[in-house]
């Protein structure tokens, strides 16, 4: 039976702070959001796992951005798994939900279902992009793929780009609770040394994989002791505690960190959401000439576009597209399918 407490914590991110050790963090639970992200495509199992991990990381990292900002994770590689992309849209106003979406591009024929998914990304990079809105220059931070998981890449990103020791504990998979249909759930904990406490100067060159920085390259003394102690506590977490739903995030924090004096803040609701529209597609095609638009036109005399994130299918009259289109054309675009 689904309980009210379970519903309250599904699809949320709960920020917290450990007062004893100057460490902050978040607990995330994704249920319906993850089901909708993955339900837009019939992904094979290795792709589902990586998209789930990326969406969970995006929710944990994105919770800190301001209203109406956008945070994106992009993973690109040379292997069968070419692209993993997720977006986190900050709430439009206080109390409103944030939105998450994601998709993947891969070579289905080259994909090996029995092989570790992360290894099939190949060489590439892990990127964090933050868009603060019109009139600003988006921030982009990039780190090489290393460490054996996307969570490890995210930890390296924070150590390299912001010199903030960061740790993720993640779990995700298909839930088979009694009385419910099988569906995806994910949960995770992120901990991070608070910026005001991270005052040590990074060593020249890291000691991690490929010379990348790790937390012991940044910390020493009391900071290092606090960080190691909290990490040992997080090592005791179990997968079922992370994904729930039987263990509430607040109970999990007390179980793991009661001696660290945990303090929680207002939780953030998460929804699946996509920003695609006929107008946005039209704007993206505005750079093309009538000749270019002609090459895009199908035998049925239309130009079509599909949203990779939500599966929306748009159909346009080619005469209304491109910079040579008539002024103020009738909007003949239509959307097929459920966005």
Protein backbone atom coordinates (compact mmCIF):
# COMPACT_ATOMS: atom_id res chain seq x y z
CA UNK A 1 0.00 0.00 0.00
CA UNK A 2 1.26 3.49 -0.86
CA UNK A 3 1.49 5.67 2.25
CA UNK A 4 1.04 9.43 2.50
CA UNK A 5 4.63 9.80 3.74
CA UNK A 6 5.90 7.94 0.68
CA UNK A 7 3.93 10.21 -1.67
CA UNK A 8 5.24 13.29 0.14
CA UNK A 9 8.87 12.34 -0.47
CA UNK A 10 8.64 10.92 -4.00
CA UNK A 11 10.13 13.25 -6.62
CA UNK A 12 11.76 15.60 -4.13
CA UNK A 13 15.21 16.88 -3.18
CA UNK A 14 15.80 17.56 0.51
CA UNK A 15 18.74 19.89 1.39
CA UNK A 16 20.50 19.35 4.70
CA UNK A 17 23.51 20.49 6.67
CA UNK A 18 25.74 18.67 9.17
CA UNK A 19 26.56 21.36 11.71
CA UNK A 20 29.31 19.44 13.49
CA UNK A 21 31.39 18.94 10.35
CA UNK A 22 30.57 21.96 8.11
CA UNK A 23 29.20 19.67 5.43
CA UNK A 24 26.08 20.26 3.38
CA UNK A 25 24.17 17.85 1.23
CA UNK A 26 20.97 16.74 -0.46
CA UNK A 27 18.80 13.62 -0.45
CA UNK A 28 16.92 12.98 -3.71
CA UNK A 29 14.10 10.59 -4.52
CA UNK A 30 12.86 10.17 -8.10
CA UNK A 31 9.82 8.06 -8.87
CA UNK A 32 7.28 9.36 -11.40
CA UNK A 33 9.80 11.79 -12.87
CA UNK A 34 12.24 9.02 -13.72
CA UNK A 35 9.46 6.83 -15.08
CA UNK A 36 8.43 9.63 -17.46
CA UNK A 37 12.00 10.42 -18.52
CA UNK A 38 12.63 6.77 -19.43
CA UNK A 39 9.11 6.14 -20.70
CA UNK A 40 9.58 8.48 -23.65
CA UNK A 41 11.90 5.92 -25.29
CA UNK A 42 12.30 2.15 -25.47
CA UNK A 43 15.89 2.22 -24.23
CA UNK A 44 17.85 -1.01 -23.74
CA UNK A 45 18.87 -1.80 -20.17
CA UNK A 46 22.40 -0.27 -20.25
CA UNK A 47 21.02 3.02 -21.55
CA UNK A 48 18.20 3.07 -19.00
CA UNK A 49 20.73 2.67 -16.19
CA UNK A 50 22.93 5.54 -17.40
CA UNK A 51 19.98 7.87 -18.05
CA UNK A 52 18.66 7.09 -14.55
CA UNK A 53 22.06 7.87 -13.01
CA UNK A 54 22.38 11.10 -15.00
CA UNK A 55 18.87 12.26 -14.07
CA UNK A 56 19.54 11.57 -10.39
CA UNK A 57 22.83 13.49 -10.48
CA UNK A 58 21.08 16.35 -12.25
CA UNK A 59 18.42 16.58 -9.54
CA UNK A 60 21.02 16.51 -6.75
CA UNK A 61 23.31 19.10 -8.34
CA UNK A 62 20.60 21.29 -9.82
CA UNK A 63 18.78 21.95 -6.55
CA UNK A 64 21.23 24.76 -5.73
CA UNK A 65 20.56 26.92 -8.80
CA UNK A 66 18.39 30.02 -8.57
CA UNK A 67 14.85 30.61 -9.81
CA UNK A 68 14.47 30.30 -13.60
CA UNK A 69 18.08 29.18 -14.11
CA UNK A 70 18.86 26.04 -16.07
CA UNK A 71 21.50 23.42 -15.26
CA UNK A 72 22.47 20.77 -17.80
CA UNK A 73 24.65 17.69 -17.66
CA UNK A 74 26.14 16.48 -20.94
CA UNK A 75 28.21 13.34 -21.31
CA UNK A 76 29.76 12.70 -24.71
CA UNK A 77 31.92 9.75 -25.68
CA UNK A 78 33.51 7.88 -28.56
CA UNK A 79 31.93 4.51 -27.74
CA UNK A 80 28.55 3.00 -28.59
CA UNK A 81 26.93 5.39 -26.09
CA UNK A 82 27.46 8.76 -27.72
CA UNK A 83 25.45 11.28 -25.72
CA UNK A 84 23.68 11.47 -22.36
CA UNK A 85 21.94 14.80 -21.79
CA UNK A 86 19.74 16.03 -18.94
CA UNK A 87 18.33 19.42 -18.00
CA UNK A 88 17.18 20.83 -14.66
CA UNK A 89 14.96 23.91 -14.87
CA UNK A 90 14.88 25.91 -11.67
CA UNK A 91 11.42 26.80 -10.29
CA UNK A 92 9.66 29.71 -11.96
CA UNK A 93 8.83 31.12 -8.52
CA UNK A 94 9.20 30.23 -4.85
CA UNK A 95 7.21 27.11 -4.02
CA UNK A 96 6.93 25.97 -7.64
CA UNK A 97 8.38 22.63 -8.75
CA UNK A 98 11.63 22.27 -10.66
CA UNK A 99 11.57 20.31 -13.91
CA UNK A 100 13.87 17.57 -15.19
CA UNK A 101 14.18 15.97 -18.63
CA UNK A 102 16.75 13.69 -20.31
CA UNK A 103 17.64 11.60 -23.34
CA UNK A 104 20.44 9.47 -24.82
CA UNK A 105 21.95 8.82 -28.24
CA UNK A 106 23.63 5.47 -28.90
CA UNK A 107 24.57 2.90 -31.52
CA UNK A 108 22.18 0.04 -30.84
CA UNK A 109 24.11 -2.43 -33.00
CA UNK A 110 27.42 -1.78 -31.24
CA UNK A 111 25.94 -1.80 -27.73
CA UNK A 112 26.81 -4.86 -25.61
CA UNK A 113 24.00 -5.59 -23.08
CA UNK A 114 26.32 -7.75 -20.98
CA UNK A 115 29.07 -5.15 -20.65
CA UNK A 116 29.41 -2.42 -18.04
CA UNK A 117 27.38 0.56 -19.33
CA UNK A 118 29.89 3.24 -18.30
CA UNK A 119 32.72 1.55 -20.18
CA UNK A 120 30.66 1.75 -23.37
CA UNK A 121 30.77 5.54 -23.37
CA UNK A 122 34.44 5.35 -24.27
CA UNK A 123 36.73 8.35 -24.12
CA UNK A 124 35.03 11.68 -23.74
CA UNK A 125 33.99 14.30 -21.25
CA UNK A 126 31.52 15.13 -18.49
CA UNK A 127 30.20 18.69 -18.71
CA UNK A 128 28.14 20.90 -16.41
CA UNK A 129 26.43 23.90 -18.02
CA UNK A 130 24.56 26.65 -16.16
CA UNK A 131 22.36 29.12 -18.04
CA UNK A 132 21.34 32.14 -15.96
CA UNK A 133 18.99 33.54 -18.60
CA UNK A 134 19.02 36.12 -21.36
CA UNK A 135 21.81 38.68 -21.29
CA UNK A 136 24.26 36.36 -19.53
CA UNK A 137 27.05 34.11 -20.73
CA UNK A 138 26.38 30.44 -19.84
CA UNK A 139 28.94 28.79 -17.55
CA UNK A 140 30.53 25.54 -18.70
CA UNK A 141 32.79 23.22 -16.75
CA UNK A 142 34.30 20.09 -18.27
CA UNK A 143 36.19 17.12 -16.86
CA UNK A 144 37.38 13.94 -18.63
CA UNK A 145 35.46 10.71 -18.18
CA UNK A 146 37.22 8.76 -15.44
CA UNK A 147 36.61 6.82 -12.25
CA UNK A 148 34.31 4.09 -13.54
CA UNK A 149 30.96 5.84 -13.08
CA UNK A 150 29.14 9.06 -13.83
CA UNK A 151 28.98 9.76 -10.08
CA UNK A 152 32.78 9.56 -9.94
CA UNK A 153 32.98 11.98 -12.87
CA UNK A 154 30.73 14.43 -11.00
CA UNK A 155 32.93 14.16 -7.91
CA UNK A 156 36.01 14.90 -10.03
CA UNK A 157 34.25 17.86 -11.64
CA UNK A 158 33.66 19.52 -8.26
CA UNK A 159 37.22 18.80 -7.10
CA UNK A 160 38.73 20.16 -10.33
CA UNK A 161 36.45 23.08 -11.13
CA UNK A 162 35.45 24.33 -7.68
CA UNK A 163 37.92 22.62 -5.33
CA UNK A 164 35.00 21.32 -3.29
CA UNK A 165 35.25 17.77 -1.96
CA UNK A 166 32.02 16.06 -3.02
CA UNK A 167 30.64 12.55 -2.66
CA UNK A 168 27.61 10.81 -4.19
CA UNK A 169 25.90 7.62 -3.05
CA UNK A 170 23.32 6.57 -5.65
CA UNK A 171 20.94 3.69 -6.26
CA UNK A 172 18.39 3.12 -9.02
CA UNK A 173 16.45 0.32 -10.63
CA UNK A 174 13.01 -1.16 -11.20
CA UNK A 175 10.84 -1.26 -8.09
CA UNK A 176 8.68 -4.34 -7.55
CA UNK A 177 6.75 -3.43 -4.41
CA UNK A 178 3.75 -5.64 -3.59
CA UNK A 179 0.54 -4.37 -5.13
CA UNK A 180 2.27 -2.04 -7.57
CA UNK A 181 3.28 -2.35 -11.20
CA UNK A 182 7.02 -2.55 -11.82
CA UNK A 183 8.42 0.93 -12.33
CA UNK A 184 11.66 2.88 -12.02
CA UNK A 185 12.82 4.45 -8.77
CA UNK A 186 16.04 6.19 -7.89
CA UNK A 187 17.51 7.76 -4.79
CA UNK A 188 20.77 9.26 -3.70
CA UNK A 189 22.71 11.32 -1.19
CA UNK A 190 25.16 14.06 -2.08
CA UNK A 191 27.55 15.52 0.50
CA UNK A 192 29.88 18.44 -0.03
CA UNK A 193 32.22 20.44 2.16
CA UNK A 194 30.79 23.91 2.63
CA UNK A 195 32.71 26.51 0.59
CA UNK A 196 33.63 28.66 3.59
CA UNK A 197 35.36 25.64 5.16
CA UNK A 198 37.30 24.67 2.02
CA UNK A 199 40.33 26.94 2.39
CA UNK A 200 43.23 24.63 1.61
CA UNK A 201 45.18 25.21 -1.58
CA UNK A 202 45.08 22.36 -4.07
CA UNK A 203 48.30 20.51 -4.71
CA UNK A 204 50.05 20.87 -8.04
CA UNK A 205 48.61 18.01 -10.02
CA UNK A 206 46.22 15.54 -8.53
CA UNK A 207 46.90 11.99 -7.48
CA UNK A 208 43.74 10.51 -8.97
CA UNK A 209 43.21 8.85 -12.33
CA UNK A 210 44.97 10.84 -15.06
CA UNK A 211 46.34 13.32 -12.50
CA UNK A 212 42.86 14.60 -11.64
CA UNK A 213 42.27 16.11 -8.21
CA UNK A 214 40.73 14.07 -5.40
CA UNK A 215 39.51 15.18 -1.99
CA UNK A 216 42.80 14.41 -0.22
CA UNK A 217 44.56 16.79 -2.62
CA UNK A 218 42.40 19.61 -1.26
CA UNK A 219 41.89 18.81 2.44
CA UNK A 220 44.07 18.39 5.48
CA UNK A 221 43.86 18.80 9.24
CA UNK A 222 40.45 19.06 10.89
CA UNK A 223 38.66 19.48 7.55
CA UNK A 224 40.11 16.20 6.35
CA UNK A 225 39.14 14.42 9.56
CA UNK A 226 35.56 15.70 9.33
CA UNK A 227 35.29 14.72 5.69
CA UNK A 228 36.65 11.22 6.27
CA UNK A 229 34.37 10.65 9.25
CA UNK A 230 31.21 11.62 7.36
CA UNK A 231 32.26 9.53 4.37
CA UNK A 232 32.68 6.48 6.60
CA UNK A 233 29.14 7.02 7.85
CA UNK A 234 27.82 7.33 4.30
CA UNK A 235 29.58 4.08 3.40
CA UNK A 236 27.07 2.28 5.63
CA UNK A 237 24.04 3.30 3.56
CA UNK A 238 22.10 0.53 1.83
CA UNK A 239 20.50 0.64 -1.60
CA UNK A 240 16.97 0.22 -0.26
CA UNK A 241 17.51 3.13 2.12
CA UNK A 242 18.50 5.33 -0.81
CA UNK A 243 15.64 4.55 -3.18
CA UNK A 244 12.95 4.18 -0.51
CA UNK A 245 10.06 4.27 -0.17
CA UNK A 246 10.03 2.56 3.24
CA UNK A 247 12.74 4.83 4.68
CA UNK A 248 11.95 8.54 4.64
CA UNK A 249 14.82 10.94 3.82
CA UNK A 250 14.64 12.52 7.27
CA UNK A 251 14.87 9.11 8.94
CA UNK A 252 17.79 8.23 6.70
CA UNK A 253 19.69 11.35 7.74
CA UNK A 254 19.14 10.59 11.42
CA UNK A 255 20.26 6.98 10.94
CA UNK A 256 23.43 7.97 9.08
CA UNK A 257 24.47 11.26 10.65
CA UNK A 258 22.78 11.74 14.02
CA UNK A 259 26.14 12.47 15.71
CA UNK A 260 26.92 15.11 13.06
CA UNK A 261 23.89 17.22 14.09
CA UNK A 262 21.88 17.12 10.84
CA UNK A 263 19.62 20.07 10.02
CA UNK A 264 17.15 20.00 7.12
CA UNK A 265 15.72 22.79 4.97
CA UNK A 266 12.65 23.06 2.74
CA UNK A 267 12.42 20.27 0.19
CA UNK A 268 12.18 20.97 -3.55
CA UNK A 269 9.53 19.22 -5.64
CA UNK A 270 10.59 17.82 -9.02
CA UNK A 271 8.45 17.21 -12.09
CA UNK A 272 9.12 15.92 -15.58
CA UNK A 273 9.06 18.88 -17.94
CA UNK A 274 10.08 19.82 -21.46
CA UNK A 275 10.39 23.28 -22.99
CA UNK A 276 10.02 22.30 -26.63
CA UNK A 277 7.40 24.12 -28.76
CA UNK A 278 6.59 24.84 -32.38
CA UNK A 279 7.89 28.38 -31.89
CA UNK A 280 11.25 27.16 -30.62
CA UNK A 281 11.63 24.76 -33.54
CA UNK A 282 10.71 27.52 -35.97
CA UNK A 283 13.27 29.85 -34.39
CA UNK A 284 15.98 27.19 -34.70
CA UNK A 285 15.24 26.89 -38.44
CA UNK A 286 15.27 30.65 -39.01
CA UNK A 287 18.96 30.60 -40.03
CA UNK A 288 18.28 28.49 -43.14
CA UNK A 289 17.53 29.68 -46.67
CA UNK A 290 14.56 28.56 -48.73
CA UNK A 291 16.89 26.23 -50.62
CA UNK A 292 18.05 24.64 -47.35
CA UNK A 293 14.45 24.27 -46.18
CA UNK A 294 13.69 22.59 -49.51
CA UNK A 295 16.28 19.90 -48.75
CA UNK A 296 14.53 19.26 -45.40
CA UNK A 297 11.08 18.94 -46.97
CA UNK A 298 9.59 15.45 -47.10
CA UNK A 299 7.86 13.84 -50.08
CA UNK A 300 4.56 14.81 -48.42
CA UNK A 301 5.52 18.49 -48.71
CA UNK A 302 6.14 19.14 -45.01
CA UNK A 303 9.10 19.71 -42.70
CA UNK A 304 9.05 17.59 -39.54
CA UNK A 305 10.94 17.77 -36.25
CA UNK A 306 11.01 15.49 -33.22
CA UNK A 307 11.91 16.42 -29.64
CA UNK A 308 14.50 13.99 -28.30
CA UNK A 309 13.44 14.69 -24.71
CA UNK A 310 9.66 14.28 -24.73
CA UNK A 311 8.91 12.68 -28.10
CA UNK A 312 6.74 15.54 -29.43
CA UNK A 313 6.46 15.48 -33.23
CA UNK A 314 6.07 18.78 -35.09
CA UNK A 315 4.93 19.26 -38.70
CA UNK A 316 5.46 22.54 -40.60
CA UNK A 317 4.57 24.09 -43.92
CA UNK A 318 8.04 24.71 -45.46
CA UNK A 319 6.92 28.09 -46.82
CA UNK A 320 6.68 29.40 -43.27
CA UNK A 321 10.27 28.45 -42.33
CA UNK A 322 13.67 30.06 -42.77
CA UNK A 323 14.81 33.66 -43.07
CA UNK A 324 13.23 33.97 -46.53
CA UNK A 325 9.74 33.03 -45.33
CA UNK A 326 6.92 35.52 -45.84
CA UNK A 327 6.42 38.10 -43.11
CA UNK A 328 3.92 37.09 -40.43
CA UNK A 329 3.02 33.74 -42.00
CA UNK A 330 0.04 31.78 -40.80
CA UNK A 331 1.25 29.33 -38.18
CA UNK A 332 0.49 26.02 -39.84
CA UNK A 333 2.58 23.95 -37.46
CA UNK A 334 0.86 21.14 -35.70
CA UNK A 335 2.03 18.78 -32.99
CA UNK A 336 1.40 15.06 -33.25
CA UNK A 337 1.52 12.83 -30.20
CA UNK A 338 1.54 13.56 -26.50
CA UNK A 339 4.29 15.91 -25.32
